[in-house]
N, C-alpha and C. Protein backbone atom coordinates (compact mmCIF):
# COMPACT_ATOMS: atom_id res chain seq x y z
N MET A 1 151.64 41.69 84.29
CA MET A 1 151.09 40.43 83.84
C MET A 1 149.86 40.68 82.97
N THR A 2 149.80 40.06 81.83
CA THR A 2 148.70 40.22 80.90
C THR A 2 147.64 39.16 81.16
N VAL A 3 146.40 39.61 81.18
CA VAL A 3 145.28 38.68 81.36
C VAL A 3 144.80 38.27 79.98
N THR A 4 144.79 36.98 79.73
CA THR A 4 144.34 36.46 78.44
C THR A 4 142.83 36.25 78.46
N LYS A 5 142.26 36.03 77.29
CA LYS A 5 140.83 35.73 77.21
C LYS A 5 140.51 34.45 77.95
N GLU A 6 141.46 33.51 77.92
CA GLU A 6 141.25 32.24 78.64
C GLU A 6 141.19 32.48 80.14
N ASP A 7 142.08 33.38 80.65
CA ASP A 7 142.06 33.73 82.07
C ASP A 7 140.73 34.38 82.44
N ALA A 8 140.28 35.30 81.59
CA ALA A 8 139.01 35.98 81.85
C ALA A 8 137.86 35.00 81.85
N LYS A 9 137.87 34.07 80.90
CA LYS A 9 136.80 33.07 80.82
C LYS A 9 136.79 32.17 82.06
N ALA A 10 137.98 31.78 82.52
CA ALA A 10 138.08 30.94 83.71
C ALA A 10 137.54 31.69 84.93
N ALA A 11 137.87 32.99 85.04
CA ALA A 11 137.38 33.78 86.17
C ALA A 11 135.87 33.92 86.11
N GLU A 12 135.31 34.04 84.90
CA GLU A 12 133.88 34.20 84.77
C GLU A 12 133.13 32.88 84.95
N ALA A 13 133.85 31.77 84.92
CA ALA A 13 133.21 30.48 85.15
C ALA A 13 132.63 30.43 86.57
N ASP A 14 133.18 31.23 87.46
CA ASP A 14 132.71 31.28 88.84
C ASP A 14 131.72 32.42 89.09
N VAL A 15 131.21 33.00 88.03
CA VAL A 15 130.31 34.15 88.14
C VAL A 15 129.02 33.74 88.84
N THR A 16 128.48 34.69 89.59
CA THR A 16 127.19 34.48 90.25
C THR A 16 126.12 35.29 89.53
N MET A 17 124.87 34.94 89.78
CA MET A 17 123.76 35.71 89.21
C MET A 17 123.83 37.15 89.68
N GLU A 18 124.21 37.36 90.93
CA GLU A 18 124.32 38.72 91.47
C GLU A 18 125.36 39.53 90.68
N GLU A 19 126.48 38.92 90.34
CA GLU A 19 127.51 39.62 89.57
C GLU A 19 127.02 39.93 88.16
N LEU A 20 126.30 38.99 87.56
CA LEU A 20 125.74 39.23 86.23
C LEU A 20 124.75 40.39 86.29
N LEU A 21 123.86 40.39 87.27
CA LEU A 21 122.88 41.47 87.41
C LEU A 21 123.57 42.82 87.64
N GLU A 22 124.62 42.82 88.41
CA GLU A 22 125.38 44.05 88.64
C GLU A 22 125.97 44.56 87.32
N GLY A 23 126.52 43.65 86.54
CA GLY A 23 127.07 44.02 85.24
C GLY A 23 126.00 44.52 84.29
N LEU A 24 124.86 43.85 84.26
CA LEU A 24 123.77 44.27 83.39
C LEU A 24 123.24 45.65 83.80
N ASN A 25 123.22 45.92 85.09
CA ASN A 25 122.79 47.24 85.55
C ASN A 25 123.79 48.32 85.15
N TYR A 26 125.07 48.00 85.19
CA TYR A 26 126.08 48.95 84.72
C TYR A 26 125.86 49.22 83.23
N ASP A 27 125.60 48.15 82.47
CA ASP A 27 125.33 48.29 81.04
C ASP A 27 124.09 49.15 80.80
N LEU A 28 123.07 48.96 81.62
CA LEU A 28 121.84 49.75 81.50
C LEU A 28 122.14 51.23 81.75
N ALA A 29 122.91 51.52 82.79
CA ALA A 29 123.29 52.90 83.08
C ALA A 29 124.08 53.50 81.91
N ALA A 30 124.92 52.70 81.28
CA ALA A 30 125.70 53.16 80.13
C ALA A 30 124.80 53.42 78.92
N GLU A 31 123.78 52.60 78.73
CA GLU A 31 122.84 52.84 77.62
C GLU A 31 122.03 54.10 77.87
N PHE A 32 121.60 54.33 79.12
CA PHE A 32 120.91 55.59 79.45
C PHE A 32 121.83 56.77 79.14
N GLN A 33 123.10 56.64 79.51
CA GLN A 33 124.09 57.68 79.23
C GLN A 33 124.18 57.94 77.73
N ALA A 34 124.21 56.87 76.94
CA ALA A 34 124.32 57.01 75.49
C ALA A 34 123.10 57.73 74.91
N VAL A 35 121.91 57.41 75.40
CA VAL A 35 120.70 58.07 74.93
C VAL A 35 120.81 59.58 75.18
N ILE A 36 121.18 59.96 76.38
CA ILE A 36 121.28 61.38 76.74
C ILE A 36 122.39 62.04 75.93
N THR A 37 123.54 61.39 75.86
CA THR A 37 124.69 61.95 75.14
C THR A 37 124.36 62.18 73.68
N TYR A 38 123.82 61.17 73.01
CA TYR A 38 123.54 61.31 71.58
C TYR A 38 122.47 62.36 71.32
N GLN A 39 121.47 62.43 72.19
CA GLN A 39 120.44 63.46 72.02
C GLN A 39 121.05 64.85 72.16
N LEU A 40 121.92 65.02 73.13
CA LEU A 40 122.54 66.33 73.33
C LEU A 40 123.57 66.65 72.25
N PHE A 41 124.31 65.64 71.77
CA PHE A 41 125.23 65.87 70.66
C PHE A 41 124.43 66.35 69.43
N ALA A 42 123.27 65.79 69.20
CA ALA A 42 122.43 66.21 68.08
C ALA A 42 122.04 67.68 68.22
N THR A 43 121.89 68.13 69.43
CA THR A 43 121.53 69.52 69.70
C THR A 43 122.75 70.44 69.64
N LEU A 44 123.89 69.98 70.11
CA LEU A 44 125.08 70.82 70.24
C LEU A 44 125.93 70.93 68.99
N CYS A 45 125.75 70.05 68.01
CA CYS A 45 126.62 70.07 66.83
C CYS A 45 126.40 71.37 66.04
N THR A 46 127.45 71.80 65.37
CA THR A 46 127.42 73.05 64.61
C THR A 46 128.16 72.88 63.30
N GLY A 47 128.15 73.92 62.49
CA GLY A 47 128.96 73.93 61.29
C GLY A 47 128.20 73.57 60.03
N PRO A 48 128.95 73.50 58.92
CA PRO A 48 128.31 73.30 57.61
C PRO A 48 127.61 71.94 57.46
N PHE A 49 128.01 70.94 58.23
CA PHE A 49 127.38 69.61 58.13
C PHE A 49 126.52 69.31 59.36
N ARG A 50 126.06 70.37 60.01
CA ARG A 50 125.27 70.23 61.23
C ARG A 50 124.06 69.33 61.02
N ASN A 51 123.32 69.55 59.95
CA ASN A 51 122.10 68.76 59.74
C ASN A 51 122.41 67.27 59.61
N GLU A 52 123.47 66.92 58.89
CA GLU A 52 123.85 65.51 58.74
C GLU A 52 124.31 64.91 60.06
N ILE A 53 125.10 65.68 60.80
CA ILE A 53 125.59 65.19 62.11
C ILE A 53 124.42 65.05 63.07
N ARG A 54 123.56 66.05 63.07
CA ARG A 54 122.37 66.00 63.94
C ARG A 54 121.55 64.75 63.65
N GLU A 55 121.28 64.47 62.39
CA GLU A 55 120.49 63.30 62.02
C GLU A 55 121.20 62.00 62.41
N PHE A 56 122.52 61.97 62.25
CA PHE A 56 123.28 60.78 62.63
C PHE A 56 123.06 60.47 64.12
N PHE A 57 123.26 61.47 64.97
CA PHE A 57 123.12 61.23 66.40
C PHE A 57 121.66 60.97 66.79
N LYS A 58 120.72 61.67 66.19
CA LYS A 58 119.30 61.42 66.48
C LYS A 58 118.92 59.98 66.12
N LYS A 59 119.50 59.47 65.03
CA LYS A 59 119.19 58.10 64.59
C LYS A 59 119.72 57.07 65.59
N GLU A 60 120.76 57.40 66.33
CA GLU A 60 121.33 56.48 67.31
C GLU A 60 120.46 56.35 68.57
N VAL A 61 119.73 57.38 68.90
CA VAL A 61 118.97 57.40 70.15
C VAL A 61 117.99 56.24 70.27
N PRO A 62 117.14 55.97 69.27
CA PRO A 62 116.20 54.84 69.41
C PRO A 62 116.90 53.49 69.56
N ASP A 63 118.05 53.31 68.90
CA ASP A 63 118.81 52.05 69.04
C ASP A 63 119.26 51.86 70.49
N GLU A 64 119.86 52.92 71.04
CA GLU A 64 120.37 52.82 72.41
C GLU A 64 119.23 52.69 73.41
N LEU A 65 118.12 53.37 73.15
CA LEU A 65 116.95 53.24 74.02
C LEU A 65 116.39 51.82 73.97
N GLY A 66 116.41 51.21 72.79
CA GLY A 66 115.98 49.82 72.66
C GLY A 66 116.88 48.88 73.43
N HIS A 67 118.18 49.15 73.42
CA HIS A 67 119.12 48.33 74.21
C HIS A 67 118.81 48.48 75.70
N ALA A 68 118.53 49.72 76.12
CA ALA A 68 118.20 49.96 77.53
C ALA A 68 116.93 49.23 77.93
N GLU A 69 115.94 49.26 77.06
CA GLU A 69 114.68 48.56 77.34
C GLU A 69 114.92 47.06 77.49
N PHE A 70 115.70 46.48 76.56
CA PHE A 70 116.03 45.06 76.65
C PHE A 70 116.71 44.75 77.98
N LEU A 71 117.72 45.54 78.33
CA LEU A 71 118.48 45.27 79.56
C LEU A 71 117.59 45.38 80.79
N ALA A 72 116.77 46.42 80.86
CA ALA A 72 115.89 46.59 82.02
C ALA A 72 114.93 45.41 82.14
N ASP A 73 114.33 45.00 81.02
CA ASP A 73 113.43 43.85 81.05
C ASP A 73 114.15 42.58 81.49
N LYS A 74 115.37 42.39 81.00
CA LYS A 74 116.12 41.18 81.33
C LYS A 74 116.52 41.18 82.81
N ILE A 75 116.91 42.34 83.32
CA ILE A 75 117.27 42.44 84.74
C ILE A 75 116.09 42.03 85.61
N VAL A 76 114.90 42.52 85.28
CA VAL A 76 113.69 42.17 86.04
C VAL A 76 113.40 40.68 85.89
N ALA A 77 113.51 40.16 84.67
CA ALA A 77 113.23 38.73 84.43
C ALA A 77 114.17 37.84 85.23
N LEU A 78 115.38 38.32 85.48
CA LEU A 78 116.37 37.53 86.23
C LEU A 78 116.29 37.80 87.74
N GLY A 79 115.31 38.60 88.16
CA GLY A 79 115.10 38.81 89.59
C GLY A 79 115.77 40.05 90.15
N GLY A 80 116.27 40.91 89.29
CA GLY A 80 116.96 42.11 89.76
C GLY A 80 116.09 43.34 89.69
N GLU A 81 116.68 44.44 90.09
CA GLU A 81 116.03 45.75 90.09
C GLU A 81 116.82 46.66 89.15
N PRO A 82 116.21 47.14 88.05
CA PRO A 82 116.97 47.98 87.12
C PRO A 82 117.30 49.35 87.69
N THR A 83 118.49 49.82 87.39
CA THR A 83 118.90 51.14 87.84
C THR A 83 118.15 52.23 87.09
N PRO A 84 117.79 53.31 87.77
CA PRO A 84 117.18 54.44 87.08
C PRO A 84 118.20 55.51 86.69
N GLU A 85 119.47 55.29 87.05
CA GLU A 85 120.50 56.32 86.89
C GLU A 85 121.42 56.05 85.71
N PRO A 86 121.66 57.08 84.89
CA PRO A 86 122.68 56.93 83.83
C PRO A 86 124.07 57.10 84.41
N LEU A 87 125.08 56.62 83.68
CA LEU A 87 126.45 56.97 84.00
C LEU A 87 126.60 58.47 83.75
N PRO A 88 127.62 59.11 84.32
CA PRO A 88 127.82 60.54 84.07
C PRO A 88 127.94 60.84 82.58
N VAL A 89 127.32 61.93 82.17
CA VAL A 89 127.32 62.35 80.76
C VAL A 89 128.42 63.39 80.56
N LYS A 90 129.26 63.14 79.55
CA LYS A 90 130.32 64.08 79.19
C LYS A 90 129.94 64.70 77.85
N LEU A 91 130.05 66.01 77.76
CA LEU A 91 129.65 66.70 76.54
C LEU A 91 130.82 67.49 75.95
N THR A 92 130.68 67.81 74.69
CA THR A 92 131.61 68.67 73.98
C THR A 92 130.82 69.42 72.93
N ARG A 93 131.37 70.51 72.46
CA ARG A 93 130.77 71.26 71.36
C ARG A 93 131.58 71.11 70.09
N ASP A 94 132.60 70.26 70.12
CA ASP A 94 133.45 70.01 68.97
C ASP A 94 132.93 68.78 68.23
N ASN A 95 132.53 68.95 66.97
CA ASN A 95 131.91 67.85 66.22
C ASN A 95 132.79 66.61 66.15
N ARG A 96 134.06 66.79 65.84
CA ARG A 96 134.95 65.63 65.74
C ARG A 96 135.07 64.93 67.09
N GLU A 97 135.22 65.72 68.14
CA GLU A 97 135.33 65.13 69.47
C GLU A 97 134.07 64.35 69.85
N MET A 98 132.92 64.80 69.37
CA MET A 98 131.68 64.05 69.62
C MET A 98 131.81 62.64 69.08
N PHE A 99 132.29 62.53 67.83
CA PHE A 99 132.46 61.21 67.22
C PHE A 99 133.55 60.40 67.92
N GLU A 100 134.62 61.06 68.34
CA GLU A 100 135.69 60.35 69.05
C GLU A 100 135.19 59.81 70.38
N MET A 101 134.43 60.63 71.10
CA MET A 101 133.87 60.20 72.38
C MET A 101 132.87 59.05 72.17
N ALA A 102 132.04 59.18 71.16
CA ALA A 102 131.04 58.14 70.88
C ALA A 102 131.73 56.84 70.46
N LEU A 103 132.78 56.95 69.65
CA LEU A 103 133.52 55.76 69.23
C LEU A 103 134.13 55.05 70.43
N GLN A 104 134.74 55.79 71.33
CA GLN A 104 135.33 55.18 72.52
C GLN A 104 134.25 54.49 73.36
N SER A 105 133.11 55.13 73.48
CA SER A 105 132.00 54.54 74.24
C SER A 105 131.53 53.24 73.60
N GLU A 106 131.42 53.21 72.27
CA GLU A 106 130.99 51.99 71.58
C GLU A 106 132.00 50.86 71.80
N LYS A 107 133.29 51.18 71.74
CA LYS A 107 134.33 50.17 71.96
C LYS A 107 134.20 49.58 73.37
N GLU A 108 134.02 50.44 74.35
CA GLU A 108 133.88 49.98 75.75
C GLU A 108 132.61 49.14 75.91
N THR A 109 131.55 49.54 75.25
CA THR A 109 130.29 48.79 75.32
C THR A 109 130.45 47.40 74.75
N ILE A 110 131.13 47.29 73.62
CA ILE A 110 131.37 45.98 73.01
C ILE A 110 132.16 45.09 73.96
N GLU A 111 133.19 45.63 74.59
CA GLU A 111 133.98 44.85 75.55
C GLU A 111 133.12 44.37 76.72
N ARG A 112 132.27 45.25 77.23
CA ARG A 112 131.41 44.86 78.36
C ARG A 112 130.42 43.78 77.94
N TYR A 113 129.82 43.93 76.75
CA TYR A 113 128.86 42.92 76.30
C TYR A 113 129.55 41.59 76.02
N GLU A 114 130.78 41.61 75.56
CA GLU A 114 131.52 40.35 75.39
C GLU A 114 131.73 39.67 76.74
N GLN A 115 132.01 40.47 77.76
CA GLN A 115 132.14 39.91 79.11
C GLN A 115 130.80 39.35 79.58
N ARG A 116 129.72 40.09 79.33
CA ARG A 116 128.40 39.63 79.73
C ARG A 116 128.03 38.33 79.02
N VAL A 117 128.43 38.17 77.75
CA VAL A 117 128.18 36.93 77.01
C VAL A 117 128.87 35.77 77.73
N ARG A 118 130.12 35.96 78.13
CA ARG A 118 130.84 34.90 78.84
C ARG A 118 130.18 34.57 80.18
N GLN A 119 129.70 35.60 80.87
CA GLN A 119 129.02 35.38 82.14
C GLN A 119 127.71 34.62 81.94
N ALA A 120 126.94 35.02 80.95
CA ALA A 120 125.68 34.33 80.67
C ALA A 120 125.94 32.88 80.29
N ASP A 121 126.97 32.65 79.50
CA ASP A 121 127.34 31.29 79.11
C ASP A 121 127.72 30.46 80.33
N ALA A 122 128.50 31.06 81.22
CA ALA A 122 128.93 30.34 82.44
C ALA A 122 127.73 29.98 83.31
N LEU A 123 126.68 30.80 83.27
CA LEU A 123 125.49 30.53 84.08
C LEU A 123 124.46 29.69 83.33
N GLY A 124 124.78 29.29 82.11
CA GLY A 124 123.86 28.47 81.33
C GLY A 124 122.67 29.23 80.78
N LEU A 125 122.80 30.52 80.62
CA LEU A 125 121.71 31.37 80.12
C LEU A 125 121.90 31.59 78.62
N THR A 126 121.62 30.56 77.85
CA THR A 126 121.87 30.57 76.41
C THR A 126 121.08 31.66 75.70
N GLY A 127 119.82 31.84 76.03
CA GLY A 127 119.01 32.88 75.40
C GLY A 127 119.61 34.26 75.62
N LEU A 128 120.02 34.55 76.85
CA LEU A 128 120.64 35.83 77.15
C LEU A 128 121.94 35.98 76.38
N LYS A 129 122.71 34.92 76.32
CA LYS A 129 123.98 34.95 75.59
C LYS A 129 123.74 35.36 74.13
N VAL A 130 122.78 34.73 73.48
CA VAL A 130 122.48 35.03 72.08
C VAL A 130 121.97 36.46 71.92
N GLN A 131 121.10 36.90 72.83
CA GLN A 131 120.57 38.26 72.75
C GLN A 131 121.69 39.29 72.94
N LEU A 132 122.62 39.01 73.83
CA LEU A 132 123.76 39.91 74.02
C LEU A 132 124.66 39.93 72.80
N GLU A 133 124.80 38.78 72.15
CA GLU A 133 125.58 38.74 70.91
C GLU A 133 124.92 39.62 69.84
N ASP A 134 123.59 39.66 69.81
CA ASP A 134 122.88 40.54 68.89
C ASP A 134 123.19 42.02 69.21
N LEU A 135 123.27 42.35 70.50
CA LEU A 135 123.63 43.72 70.89
C LEU A 135 125.04 44.04 70.42
N ILE A 136 125.93 43.07 70.51
CA ILE A 136 127.31 43.27 70.06
C ILE A 136 127.33 43.59 68.57
N VAL A 137 126.48 42.93 67.80
CA VAL A 137 126.39 43.22 66.36
C VAL A 137 125.95 44.67 66.15
N ASP A 138 124.92 45.11 66.86
CA ASP A 138 124.45 46.49 66.74
C ASP A 138 125.56 47.48 67.10
N GLU A 139 126.20 47.25 68.24
CA GLU A 139 127.24 48.17 68.71
C GLU A 139 128.44 48.17 67.77
N THR A 140 128.76 47.01 67.20
CA THR A 140 129.87 46.93 66.24
C THR A 140 129.54 47.74 64.99
N ASN A 141 128.29 47.66 64.53
CA ASN A 141 127.88 48.47 63.38
C ASN A 141 127.99 49.96 63.69
N HIS A 142 127.60 50.37 64.91
CA HIS A 142 127.74 51.78 65.31
C HIS A 142 129.21 52.17 65.31
N LYS A 143 130.05 51.32 65.89
CA LYS A 143 131.49 51.59 65.98
C LYS A 143 132.09 51.75 64.59
N GLU A 144 131.77 50.84 63.70
CA GLU A 144 132.35 50.88 62.35
C GLU A 144 131.89 52.12 61.59
N GLU A 145 130.66 52.53 61.78
CA GLU A 145 130.16 53.73 61.11
C GLU A 145 130.91 54.97 61.63
N MET A 146 131.14 55.04 62.92
CA MET A 146 131.89 56.17 63.48
C MET A 146 133.34 56.17 63.02
N GLU A 147 133.92 54.98 62.91
CA GLU A 147 135.29 54.89 62.39
C GLU A 147 135.35 55.41 60.96
N LYS A 148 134.35 55.09 60.15
CA LYS A 148 134.32 55.57 58.76
C LYS A 148 134.17 57.09 58.71
N ILE A 149 133.35 57.63 59.59
CA ILE A 149 133.15 59.08 59.64
C ILE A 149 134.46 59.77 60.03
N LEU A 150 135.16 59.21 60.99
CA LEU A 150 136.40 59.84 61.47
C LEU A 150 137.58 59.63 60.53
N ARG A 151 137.52 58.62 59.68
CA ARG A 151 138.61 58.35 58.75
C ARG A 151 138.79 59.54 57.82
N ASN A 152 140.00 59.99 57.71
CA ASN A 152 140.36 61.11 56.83
C ASN A 152 139.66 62.41 57.19
N TRP A 153 139.23 62.56 58.43
CA TRP A 153 138.58 63.80 58.88
C TRP A 153 139.55 64.96 58.74
N GLY A 154 140.83 64.66 58.93
CA GLY A 154 141.85 65.71 58.86
C GLY A 154 142.61 65.79 60.17
N VAL A 155 143.72 66.45 60.11
CA VAL A 155 144.59 66.59 61.28
C VAL A 155 144.10 67.75 62.12
N ARG A 156 144.08 67.54 63.42
CA ARG A 156 143.69 68.61 64.35
C ARG A 156 144.78 69.66 64.42
N ASP A 157 144.37 70.89 64.62
CA ASP A 157 145.34 71.96 64.89
C ASP A 157 145.82 71.82 66.33
N GLY A 158 147.07 72.18 66.55
CA GLY A 158 147.61 72.19 67.92
C GLY A 158 148.09 70.89 68.31
């Protein structure tokens, strides 16, 4: 059975503040993970375009850290306790795989923030809804940039 957006919206109409805070804390842990991952990808990248790749990932760190700061502040403002723990960090030394992993992470982040927007809307938290939509714009820009980088990268061996 396929769950439609309407089904998801109806389920989120019954969302509680506790569920929203739990989701925001998961998002915070994911942003911490992104900060660590991108910083380490900047260190681990190699090859003829290392400097460009390094700068790309280094440039992402402040954006993701800003998202984490926003989420932590919002969690506290809503009466919650922000998590100090990142999600598990997965690393690779393959430049293309770094972008593939980062792209997948951005896609998942956008889906989670879209869910959080629906939850905030269901709870009447219009300001939070708009701020989360702004995060979706940032994450979408990151996703699209990674898609452009991966486009025509070439076929993998094996």
